[in-house]
Amino acid sequence: MPITVMLSTTLRTCVPGYNPVTGLCLDLPESLTVGDLADRLGLPRGEIKIIMLNGRHAGFAQIVRDGDRIGYFPAVGGG
């Protein structure tokens, strides 16, 4: 099933060759969770603070479906 993954800021360095313009277009097996996907990509779960699934907040247990867009974000700061 094809999906698109977008990584923000420091998480981009976890995936060699990541393109921030296009993200990652992957073809994955059915029944993966957002957490399983993070593990497959080598993303440290402890650094992921926000997960967006098709524009909505999601958790690691959410099931990924055909055509989904997933975004992983580390903690953000501002001032």
PDB file of N, CA and C in Angstrom:
ATOM      1  N   MET A   1       0.851  -1.175   0.000  1.00  0.00           N
ATOM      2  CA  MET A   1       0.000   0.000   0.000  1.00  0.00           C
ATOM      3  C   MET A   1       0.893   1.232   0.000  1.00  0.00           C
ATOM      4  N   PRO A   2       0.649   2.152  -0.884  1.00  0.00           N
ATOM      5  CA  PRO A   2       1.479   3.356  -0.942  1.00  0.00           C
ATOM      6  C   PRO A   2       1.084   4.389   0.114  1.00  0.00           C
ATOM      7  N   ILE A   3       2.095   4.977   0.745  1.00  0.00           N
ATOM      8  CA  ILE A   3       1.889   6.044   1.720  1.00  0.00           C
ATOM      9  C   ILE A   3       2.970   7.101   1.527  1.00  0.00           C
ATOM     10  N   THR A   4       2.774   8.264   2.142  1.00  0.00           N
ATOM     11  CA  THR A   4       3.766   9.327   2.112  1.00  0.00           C
ATOM     12  C   THR A   4       4.132   9.684   3.544  1.00  0.00           C
ATOM     13  N   VAL A   5       5.427   9.816   3.810  1.00  0.00           N
ATOM     14  CA  VAL A   5       5.924  10.170   5.133  1.00  0.00           C
ATOM     15  C   VAL A   5       6.699  11.481   5.032  1.00  0.00           C
ATOM     16  N   MET A   6       6.363  12.404   5.915  1.00  0.00           N
ATOM     17  CA  MET A   6       7.083  13.671   6.007  1.00  0.00           C
ATOM     18  C   MET A   6       7.747  13.737   7.380  1.00  0.00           C
ATOM     19  N   LEU A   7       8.997  14.169   7.390  1.00  0.00           N
ATOM     20  CA  LEU A   7       9.754  14.296   8.634  1.00  0.00           C
ATOM     21  C   LEU A   7      10.114  15.757   8.847  1.00  0.00           C
ATOM     22  N   SER A   8      10.077  16.178  10.081  1.00  0.00           N
ATOM     23  CA  SER A   8      10.388  17.557  10.404  1.00  0.00           C
ATOM     24  C   SER A   8      11.755  17.671  11.075  1.00  0.00           C
ATOM     25  N   THR A   9      12.419  18.738  10.795  1.00  0.00           N
ATOM     26  CA  THR A   9      13.686  19.181  11.375  1.00  0.00           C
ATOM     27  C   THR A   9      14.663  18.052  11.691  1.00  0.00           C
ATOM     28  N   THR A  10      14.954  17.825  12.952  1.00  0.00           N
ATOM     29  CA  THR A  10      16.011  16.895  13.354  1.00  0.00           C
ATOM     30  C   THR A  10      15.719  15.444  12.981  1.00  0.00           C
ATOM     31  N   LEU A  11      14.473  15.077  12.798  1.00  0.00           N
ATOM     32  CA  LEU A  11      14.151  13.690  12.433  1.00  0.00           C
ATOM     33  C   LEU A  11      14.603  13.369  11.013  1.00  0.00           C
ATOM     34  N   ARG A  12      14.790  14.375  10.197  1.00  0.00           N
ATOM     35  CA  ARG A  12      15.221  14.158   8.809  1.00  0.00           C
ATOM     36  C   ARG A  12      16.589  13.502   8.734  1.00  0.00           C
ATOM     37  N   THR A  13      17.433  13.770   9.713  1.00  0.00           N
ATOM     38  CA  THR A  13      18.781  13.204   9.694  1.00  0.00           C
ATOM     39  C   THR A  13      18.792  11.708   9.991  1.00  0.00           C
ATOM     40  N   CYS A  14      17.697  11.171  10.471  1.00  0.00           N
ATOM     41  CA  CYS A  14      17.607   9.740  10.789  1.00  0.00           C
ATOM     42  C   CYS A  14      17.437   8.873   9.549  1.00  0.00           C
ATOM     43  N   VAL A  15      17.022   9.488   8.437  1.00  0.00           N
ATOM     44  CA  VAL A  15      16.769   8.739   7.206  1.00  0.00           C
ATOM     45  C   VAL A  15      17.713   9.268   6.121  1.00  0.00           C
ATOM     46  N   PRO A  16      18.782   8.529   5.825  1.00  0.00           N
ATOM     47  CA  PRO A  16      19.732   8.981   4.811  1.00  0.00           C
ATOM     48  C   PRO A  16      19.041   9.244   3.468  1.00  0.00           C
ATOM     49  N   GLY A  17      19.389  10.372   2.851  1.00  0.00           N
ATOM     50  CA  GLY A  17      18.827  10.700   1.551  1.00  0.00           C
ATOM     51  C   GLY A  17      17.418  11.278   1.590  1.00  0.00           C
ATOM     52  N   TYR A  18      16.904  11.573   2.790  1.00  0.00           N
ATOM     53  CA  TYR A  18      15.543  12.117   2.901  1.00  0.00           C
ATOM     54  C   TYR A  18      15.444  13.441   2.151  1.00  0.00           C
ATOM     55  N   ASN A  19      14.386  13.602   1.351  1.00  0.00           N
ATOM     56  CA  ASN A  19      14.141  14.829   0.613  1.00  0.00           C
ATOM     57  C   ASN A  19      12.991  15.579   1.278  1.00  0.00           C
ATOM     58  N   PRO A  20      13.258  16.747   1.891  1.00  0.00           N
ATOM     59  CA  PRO A  20      12.200  17.465   2.609  1.00  0.00           C
ATOM     60  C   PRO A  20      11.112  18.034   1.708  1.00  0.00           C
ATOM     61  N   VAL A  21      11.353  18.111   0.418  1.00  0.00           N
ATOM     62  CA  VAL A  21      10.331  18.624  -0.501  1.00  0.00           C
ATOM     63  C   VAL A  21       9.306  17.540  -0.829  1.00  0.00           C
ATOM     64  N   THR A  22       9.784  16.345  -1.137  1.00  0.00           N
ATOM     65  CA  THR A  22       8.880  15.266  -1.542  1.00  0.00           C
ATOM     66  C   THR A  22       8.551  14.286  -0.420  1.00  0.00           C
ATOM     67  N   GLY A  23       9.369  14.268   0.632  1.00  0.00           N
ATOM     68  CA  GLY A  23       9.167  13.294   1.697  1.00  0.00           C
ATOM     69  C   GLY A  23       9.559  11.905   1.215  1.00  0.00           C
ATOM     70  N   LEU A  24       9.005  10.907   1.856  1.00  0.00           N
ATOM     71  CA  LEU A  24       9.243   9.514   1.473  1.00  0.00           C
ATOM     72  C   LEU A  24       7.951   8.929   0.915  1.00  0.00           C
ATOM     73  N   CYS A  25       8.031   8.348  -0.255  1.00  0.00           N
ATOM     74  CA  CYS A  25       6.894   7.617  -0.817  1.00  0.00           C
ATOM     75  C   CYS A  25       7.239   6.143  -0.681  1.00  0.00           C
ATOM     76  N   LEU A  26       6.468   5.454   0.131  1.00  0.00           N
ATOM     77  CA  LEU A  26       6.770   4.056   0.441  1.00  0.00           C
ATOM     78  C   LEU A  26       5.614   3.151   0.057  1.00  0.00           C
ATOM     79  N   ASP A  27       5.932   1.912  -0.242  1.00  0.00           N
ATOM     80  CA  ASP A  27       4.922   0.885  -0.483  1.00  0.00           C
ATOM     81  C   ASP A  27       5.095  -0.135   0.630  1.00  0.00           C
ATOM     82  N   LEU A  28       4.125  -0.198   1.538  1.00  0.00           N
ATOM     83  CA  LEU A  28       4.246  -1.012   2.746  1.00  0.00           C
ATOM     84  C   LEU A  28       3.189  -2.105   2.817  1.00  0.00           C
ATOM     85  N   PRO A  29       3.449  -3.136   3.623  1.00  0.00           N
ATOM     86  CA  PRO A  29       2.428  -4.158   3.848  1.00  0.00           C
ATOM     87  C   PRO A  29       1.282  -3.611   4.697  1.00  0.00           C
ATOM     88  N   GLU A  30       0.156  -4.251   4.642  1.00  0.00           N
ATOM     89  CA  GLU A  30      -1.021  -3.861   5.424  1.00  0.00           C
ATOM     90  C   GLU A  30      -0.770  -4.091   6.919  1.00  0.00           C
ATOM     91  N   SER A  31      -1.567  -3.459   7.749  1.00  0.00           N
ATOM     92  CA  SER A  31      -1.626  -3.653   9.197  1.00  0.00           C
ATOM     93  C   SER A  31      -0.431  -3.128   9.977  1.00  0.00           C
ATOM     94  N   LEU A  32       0.317  -2.207   9.421  1.00  0.00           N
ATOM     95  CA  LEU A  32       1.380  -1.558  10.187  1.00  0.00           C
ATOM     96  C   LEU A  32       0.773  -0.440  11.022  1.00  0.00           C
ATOM     97  N   THR A  33       1.360  -0.209  12.180  1.00  0.00           N
ATOM     98  CA  THR A  33       0.950   0.945  12.973  1.00  0.00           C
ATOM     99  C   THR A  33       1.921   2.093  12.688  1.00  0.00           C
ATOM    100  N   VAL A  34       1.545   3.274  13.128  1.00  0.00           N
ATOM    101  CA  VAL A  34       2.420   4.435  12.997  1.00  0.00           C
ATOM    102  C   VAL A  34       3.728   4.181  13.742  1.00  0.00           C
ATOM    103  N   GLY A  35       3.667   3.505  14.883  1.00  0.00           N
ATOM    104  CA  GLY A  35       4.865   3.152  15.641  1.00  0.00           C
ATOM    105  C   GLY A  35       5.745   2.156  14.899  1.00  0.00           C
ATOM    106  N   ASP A  36       5.117   1.143  14.271  1.00  0.00           N
ATOM    107  CA  ASP A  36       5.876   0.178  13.472  1.00  0.00           C
ATOM    108  C   ASP A  36       6.626   0.887  12.348  1.00  0.00           C
ATOM    109  N   LEU A  37       5.952   1.834  11.713  1.00  0.00           N
ATOM    110  CA  LEU A  37       6.564   2.581  10.625  1.00  0.00           C
ATOM    111  C   LEU A  37       7.758   3.392  11.122  1.00  0.00           C
ATOM    112  N   ALA A  38       7.608   4.047  12.260  1.00  0.00           N
ATOM    113  CA  ALA A  38       8.721   4.811  12.844  1.00  0.00           C
ATOM    114  C   ALA A  38       9.915   3.892  13.101  1.00  0.00           C
ATOM    115  N   ASP A  39       9.643   2.703  13.627  1.00  0.00           N
ATOM    116  CA  ASP A  39      10.715   1.737  13.890  1.00  0.00           C
ATOM    117  C   ASP A  39      11.409   1.323  12.591  1.00  0.00           C
ATOM    118  N   ARG A  40      10.638   1.050  11.545  1.00  0.00           N
ATOM    119  CA  ARG A  40      11.207   0.646  10.256  1.00  0.00           C
ATOM    120  C   ARG A  40      12.095   1.727   9.669  1.00  0.00           C
ATOM    121  N   LEU A  41      11.726   2.976   9.905  1.00  0.00           N
ATOM    122  CA  LEU A  41      12.503   4.096   9.377  1.00  0.00           C
ATOM    123  C   LEU A  41      13.715   4.432  10.244  1.00  0.00           C
ATOM    124  N   GLY A  42      13.794   3.834  11.431  1.00  0.00           N
ATOM    125  CA  GLY A  42      14.898   4.107  12.338  1.00  0.00           C
ATOM    126  C   GLY A  42      14.726   5.404  13.112  1.00  0.00           C
ATOM    127  N   LEU A  43      13.480   5.845  13.260  1.00  0.00           N
ATOM    128  CA  LEU A  43      13.212   7.071  14.010  1.00  0.00           C
ATOM    129  C   LEU A  43      13.155   6.750  15.504  1.00  0.00           C
ATOM    130  N   PRO A  44      13.862   7.482  16.331  1.00  0.00           N
ATOM    131  CA  PRO A  44      13.816   7.236  17.774  1.00  0.00           C
ATOM    132  C   PRO A  44      12.471   7.701  18.343  1.00  0.00           C
ATOM    133  N   ARG A  45      11.674   6.766  18.834  1.00  0.00           N
ATOM    134  CA  ARG A  45      10.335   7.105  19.339  1.00  0.00           C
ATOM    135  C   ARG A  45      10.371   8.189  20.411  1.00  0.00           C
ATOM    136  N   GLY A  46      11.410   8.184  21.221  1.00  0.00           N
ATOM    137  CA  GLY A  46      11.515   9.171  22.288  1.00  0.00           C
ATOM    138  C   GLY A  46      11.667  10.598  21.785  1.00  0.00           C
ATOM    139  N   GLU A  47      12.098  10.753  20.547  1.00  0.00           N
ATOM    140  CA  GLU A  47      12.256  12.087  19.975  1.00  0.00           C
ATOM    141  C   GLU A  47      11.024  12.551  19.206  1.00  0.00           C
ATOM    142  N   ILE A  48      10.076  11.651  18.976  1.00  0.00           N
ATOM    143  CA  ILE A  48       8.852  12.008  18.249  1.00  0.00           C
ATOM    144  C   ILE A  48       7.835  12.517  19.261  1.00  0.00           C
ATOM    145  N   LYS A  49       7.465  13.770  19.133  1.00  0.00           N
ATOM    146  CA  LYS A  49       6.521  14.375  20.077  1.00  0.00           C
ATOM    147  C   LYS A  49       5.139  14.592  19.479  1.00  0.00           C
ATOM    148  N   ILE A  50       5.074  14.746  18.161  1.00  0.00           N
ATOM    149  CA  ILE A  50       3.790  14.949  17.485  1.00  0.00           C
ATOM    150  C   ILE A  50       3.750  14.054  16.261  1.00  0.00           C
ATOM    151  N   ILE A  51       2.615  13.390  16.057  1.00  0.00           N
ATOM    152  CA  ILE A  51       2.380  12.578  14.871  1.00  0.00           C
ATOM    153  C   ILE A  51       1.094  13.081  14.230  1.00  0.00           C
ATOM    154  N   MET A  52       1.181  13.354  12.937  1.00  0.00           N
ATOM    155  CA  MET A  52      -0.005  13.768  12.195  1.00  0.00           C
ATOM    156  C   MET A  52      -0.303  12.692  11.155  1.00  0.00           C
ATOM    157  N   LEU A  53      -1.550  12.271  11.105  1.00  0.00           N
ATOM    158  CA  LEU A  53      -2.000  11.273  10.144  1.00  0.00           C
ATOM    159  C   LEU A  53      -3.134  11.906   9.349  1.00  0.00           C
ATOM    160  N   ASN A  54      -2.857  12.184   8.082  1.00  0.00           N
ATOM    161  CA  ASN A  54      -3.835  12.849   7.213  1.00  0.00           C
ATOM    162  C   ASN A  54      -4.344  14.157   7.821  1.00  0.00           C
ATOM    163  N   GLY A  55      -3.426  14.908   8.427  1.00  0.00           N
ATOM    164  CA  GLY A  55      -3.757  16.214   8.970  1.00  0.00           C
ATOM    165  C   GLY A  55      -4.390  16.216  10.348  1.00  0.00           C
ATOM    166  N   ARG A  56      -4.450  15.046  10.980  1.00  0.00           N
ATOM    167  CA  ARG A  56      -5.028  14.944  12.322  1.00  0.00           C
ATOM    168  C   ARG A  56      -4.019  14.307  13.270  1.00  0.00           C
ATOM    169  N   HIS A  57      -4.084  14.736  14.517  1.00  0.00           N
ATOM    170  CA  HIS A  57      -3.178  14.195  15.535  1.00  0.00           C
ATOM    171  C   HIS A  57      -3.416  12.696  15.680  1.00  0.00           C
ATOM    172  N   ALA A  58      -2.338  11.931  15.788  1.00  0.00           N
ATOM    173  CA  ALA A  58      -2.424  10.467  15.915  1.00  0.00           C
ATOM    174  C   ALA A  58      -1.420   9.987  16.945  1.00  0.00           C
ATOM    175  N   GLY A  59      -1.548   8.734  17.325  1.00  0.00           N
ATOM    176  CA  GLY A  59      -0.627   8.103  18.252  1.00  0.00           C
ATOM    177  C   GLY A  59       0.088   6.935  17.593  1.00  0.00           C
ATOM    178  N   PHE A  60       1.042   6.362  18.303  1.00  0.00           N
ATOM    179  CA  PHE A  60       1.826   5.255  17.771  1.00  0.00           C
ATOM    180  C   PHE A  60       0.988   4.019  17.436  1.00  0.00           C
ATOM    181  N   ALA A  61      -0.152   3.842  18.073  1.00  0.00           N
ATOM    182  CA  ALA A  61      -0.965   2.644  17.856  1.00  0.00           C
ATOM    183  C   ALA A  61      -1.896   2.752  16.651  1.00  0.00           C
ATOM    184  N   GLN A  62      -2.002   3.927  16.070  1.00  0.00           N
ATOM    185  CA  GLN A  62      -2.894   4.130  14.919  1.00  0.00           C
ATOM    186  C   GLN A  62      -2.454   3.266  13.743  1.00  0.00           C
ATOM    187  N   ILE A  63      -3.403   2.623  13.075  1.00  0.00           N
ATOM    188  CA  ILE A  63      -3.114   1.785  11.915  1.00  0.00           C
ATOM    189  C   ILE A  63      -2.932   2.666  10.680  1.00  0.00           C
ATOM    190  N   VAL A  64      -1.910   2.367   9.890  1.00  0.00           N
ATOM    191  CA  VAL A  64      -1.657   3.075   8.641  1.00  0.00           C
ATOM    192  C   VAL A  64      -2.459   2.396   7.535  1.00  0.00           C
ATOM    193  N   ARG A  65      -3.133   3.212   6.726  1.00  0.00           N
ATOM    194  CA  ARG A  65      -3.970   2.689   5.641  1.00  0.00           C
ATOM    195  C   ARG A  65      -3.461   3.188   4.286  1.00  0.00           C
ATOM    196  N   ASP A  66      -3.925   2.539   3.255  1.00  0.00           N
ATOM    197  CA  ASP A  66      -3.562   2.862   1.884  1.00  0.00           C
ATOM    198  C   ASP A  66      -3.757   4.355   1.599  1.00  0.00           C
ATOM    199  N   GLY A  67      -2.714   4.993   1.073  1.00  0.00           N
ATOM    200  CA  GLY A  67      -2.798   6.389   0.689  1.00  0.00           C
ATOM    201  C   GLY A  67      -2.592   7.400   1.803  1.00  0.00           C
ATOM    202  N   ASP A  68      -2.344   6.946   3.031  1.00  0.00           N
ATOM    203  CA  ASP A  68      -2.174   7.864   4.164  1.00  0.00           C
ATOM    204  C   ASP A  68      -0.944   8.743   3.999  1.00  0.00           C
ATOM    205  N   ARG A  69      -1.012   9.912   4.641  1.00  0.00           N
ATOM    206  CA  ARG A  69       0.126  10.834   4.763  1.00  0.00           C
ATOM    207  C   ARG A  69       0.438  10.953   6.244  1.00  0.00           C
ATOM    208  N   ILE A  70       1.658  10.587   6.604  1.00  0.00           N
ATOM    209  CA  ILE A  70       2.074  10.613   8.012  1.00  0.00           C
ATOM    210  C   ILE A  70       3.198  11.624   8.172  1.00  0.00           C
ATOM    211  N   GLY A  71       3.087  12.452   9.191  1.00  0.00           N
ATOM    212  CA  GLY A  71       4.132  13.402   9.528  1.00  0.00           C
ATOM    213  C   GLY A  71       4.621  13.162  10.947  1.00  0.00           C
ATOM    214  N   TYR A  72       5.919  13.117  11.111  1.00  0.00           N
ATOM    215  CA  TYR A  72       6.548  12.950  12.431  1.00  0.00           C
ATOM    216  C   TYR A  72       7.275  14.249  12.781  1.00  0.00           C
ATOM    217  N   PHE A  73       7.075  14.725  14.006  1.00  0.00           N
ATOM    218  CA  PHE A  73       7.666  15.979  14.451  1.00  0.00           C
ATOM    219  C   PHE A  73       8.341  15.805  15.805  1.00  0.00           C
ATOM    220  N   PRO A  74       9.547  16.364  15.965  1.00  0.00           N
ATOM    221  CA  PRO A  74      10.197  16.353  17.272  1.00  0.00           C
ATOM    222  C   PRO A  74       9.618  17.480  18.120  1.00  0.00           C
ATOM    223  N   ALA A  75      10.097  17.596  19.344  1.00  0.00           N
ATOM    224  CA  ALA A  75       9.694  18.724  20.186  1.00  0.00           C
ATOM    225  C   ALA A  75      10.113  20.017  19.503  1.00  0.00           C
ATOM    226  N   VAL A  76       9.252  20.995  19.573  1.00  0.00           N
ATOM    227  CA  VAL A  76       9.570  22.286  18.968  1.00  0.00           C
ATOM    228  C   VAL A  76       9.654  23.333  20.075  1.00  0.00           C
ATOM    229  N   GLY A  77      10.486  24.292  19.870  1.00  0.00           N
ATOM    230  CA  GLY A  77      10.637  25.353  20.861  1.00  0.00           C
ATOM    231  C   GLY A  77      10.501  26.713  20.193  1.00  0.00           C
ATOM    232  N   GLY A  78      10.299  27.654  20.977  1.00  0.00           N
ATOM    233  CA  GLY A  78      10.177  28.992  20.427  1.00  0.00           C
ATOM    234  C   GLY A  78      10.417  29.999  21.546  1.00  0.00           C
ATOM    235  N   GLY A  79      10.367  31.208  21.167  1.00  0.00           N
ATOM    236  CA  GLY A  79      10.627  32.172  22.215  1.00  0.00           C
ATOM    237  C   GLY A  79      10.297  33.537  21.846  1.00  0.00           C
TER     238      GLY A  79
END
